[in-house]
Amino acid sequence: MKFDLLIRNATVIDGTRAPRFEADIGVSSGKISRIGKLKEKGEIEIDASGKIAAPGFIDAHTHDDRLMLSA
């Protein structure tokens, strides 16, 4: 299998509170398809040595306007 994008040697923090780990991330059709020490090649390869890969962060902090909520 050849990935569309292959991110090599990233430090992965997966958001589950598991310890961080070193891995490659294979992306196909815009979605992560495999994570691990991958032997396959990528159409585009990025060396992420010394970089962190983590899920997107969401800022759930909001300020509501009570006037609008009461309508």
C-alpha atoms as a PDB file:
ATOM      1  CA  MET A   1       0.000   0.000   0.000  1.00  0.00           C
ATOM      2  CA  LYS A   2       1.233   3.483  -0.828  1.00  0.00           C
ATOM      3  CA  PHE A   3      -0.112   6.358   1.272  1.00  0.00           C
ATOM      4  CA  ASP A   4      -1.114   9.743  -0.120  1.00  0.00           C
ATOM      5  CA  LEU A   5       0.751  11.312   2.812  1.00  0.00           C
ATOM      6  CA  LEU A   6       3.174   9.677   5.221  1.00  0.00           C
ATOM      7  CA  ILE A   7       4.304  11.517   8.335  1.00  0.00           C
ATOM      8  CA  ARG A   8       7.440   9.845   9.680  1.00  0.00           C
ATOM      9  CA  ASN A   9       8.935   9.792  13.178  1.00  0.00           C
ATOM     10  CA  ALA A  10       6.254  11.871  14.939  1.00  0.00           C
ATOM     11  CA  THR A  11       5.770  11.892  18.694  1.00  0.00           C
ATOM     12  CA  VAL A  12       2.097  10.929  18.953  1.00  0.00           C
ATOM     13  CA  ILE A  13      -0.129  12.157  21.786  1.00  0.00           C
ATOM     14  CA  ASP A  14      -3.505  10.534  21.142  1.00  0.00           C
ATOM     15  CA  GLY A  15      -5.636  12.310  23.759  1.00  0.00           C
ATOM     16  CA  THR A  16      -6.464   9.157  25.755  1.00  0.00           C
ATOM     17  CA  ARG A  17      -3.927   9.914  28.522  1.00  0.00           C
ATOM     18  CA  ALA A  18      -1.802   7.030  27.267  1.00  0.00           C
ATOM     19  CA  PRO A  19       1.945   7.717  27.221  1.00  0.00           C
ATOM     20  CA  ARG A  20       3.215   9.485  24.111  1.00  0.00           C
ATOM     21  CA  PHE A  21       4.897   7.253  21.547  1.00  0.00           C
ATOM     22  CA  GLU A  22       6.996   7.522  18.390  1.00  0.00           C
ATOM     23  CA  ALA A  23       5.226   6.462  15.190  1.00  0.00           C
ATOM     24  CA  ASP A  24       4.616   7.049  11.513  1.00  0.00           C
ATOM     25  CA  ILE A  25       1.161   8.189  10.382  1.00  0.00           C
ATOM     26  CA  GLY A  26      -0.199   7.027   7.025  1.00  0.00           C
ATOM     27  CA  VAL A  27      -2.960   9.091   5.403  1.00  0.00           C
ATOM     28  CA  SER A  28      -5.100   7.855   2.484  1.00  0.00           C
ATOM     29  CA  SER A  29      -8.025   9.717   0.899  1.00  0.00           C
ATOM     30  CA  GLY A  30      -7.808  12.438   3.546  1.00  0.00           C
ATOM     31  CA  LYS A  31      -8.105  10.074   6.522  1.00  0.00           C
ATOM     32  CA  ILE A  32      -5.575   8.503   8.859  1.00  0.00           C
ATOM     33  CA  SER A  33      -5.423   4.876   7.775  1.00  0.00           C
ATOM     34  CA  ARG A  34      -2.526   3.478   9.839  1.00  0.00           C
ATOM     35  CA  ILE A  35      -0.310   4.460  12.745  1.00  0.00           C
ATOM     36  CA  GLY A  36       2.857   2.612  13.706  1.00  0.00           C
ATOM     37  CA  LYS A  37       6.337   1.939  12.356  1.00  0.00           C
ATOM     38  CA  LEU A  38       5.340   1.746   8.691  1.00  0.00           C
ATOM     39  CA  LYS A  39       7.447   0.227   5.906  1.00  0.00           C
ATOM     40  CA  GLU A  40       5.251   1.539   3.094  1.00  0.00           C
ATOM     41  CA  LYS A  41       6.055   4.680   1.095  1.00  0.00           C
ATOM     42  CA  GLY A  42       4.079   7.885   0.761  1.00  0.00           C
ATOM     43  CA  GLU A  43       3.330  10.012  -2.299  1.00  0.00           C
ATOM     44  CA  ILE A  44       4.368  12.882  -0.011  1.00  0.00           C
ATOM     45  CA  GLU A  45       6.560  12.188   3.013  1.00  0.00           C
ATOM     46  CA  ILE A  46       7.146  14.558   5.909  1.00  0.00           C
ATOM     47  CA  ASP A  47       9.861  14.036   8.510  1.00  0.00           C
ATOM     48  CA  ALA A  48       8.273  14.961  11.844  1.00  0.00           C
ATOM     49  CA  SER A  49      11.320  14.142  13.987  1.00  0.00           C
ATOM     50  CA  GLY A  50      11.152  16.312  17.095  1.00  0.00           C
ATOM     51  CA  LYS A  51       7.527  17.277  16.334  1.00  0.00           C
ATOM     52  CA  ILE A  52       4.280  16.287  18.065  1.00  0.00           C
ATOM     53  CA  ALA A  53       1.214  14.899  16.283  1.00  0.00           C
ATOM     54  CA  ALA A  54      -2.034  15.208  18.252  1.00  0.00           C
ATOM     55  CA  PRO A  55      -5.767  15.379  17.541  1.00  0.00           C
ATOM     56  CA  GLY A  56      -7.290  18.795  16.918  1.00  0.00           C
ATOM     57  CA  PHE A  57      -7.879  20.862  20.019  1.00  0.00           C
ATOM     58  CA  ILE A  58     -11.350  22.291  20.594  1.00  0.00           C
ATOM     59  CA  ASP A  59     -11.905  25.379  22.715  1.00  0.00           C
ATOM     60  CA  ALA A  60     -15.280  24.700  24.327  1.00  0.00           C
ATOM     61  CA  HIS A  61     -15.151  27.916  26.353  1.00  0.00           C
ATOM     62  CA  THR A  62     -18.033  30.216  25.393  1.00  0.00           C
ATOM     63  CA  HIS A  63     -19.830  33.328  26.570  1.00  0.00           C
ATOM     64  CA  ASP A  64     -23.556  33.252  25.947  1.00  0.00           C
ATOM     65  CA  ASP A  65     -25.766  36.277  25.617  1.00  0.00           C
ATOM     66  CA  ARG A  66     -28.696  35.591  27.950  1.00  0.00           C
ATOM     67  CA  LEU A  67     -30.850  38.110  26.075  1.00  0.00           C
ATOM     68  CA  MET A  68     -30.576  36.060  22.863  1.00  0.00           C
ATOM     69  CA  LEU A  69     -31.183  32.780  24.701  1.00  0.00           C
ATOM     70  CA  SER A  70     -34.407  34.029  26.293  1.00  0.00           C
ATOM     71  CA  ALA A  71     -36.108  34.797  22.960  1.00  0.00           C
END
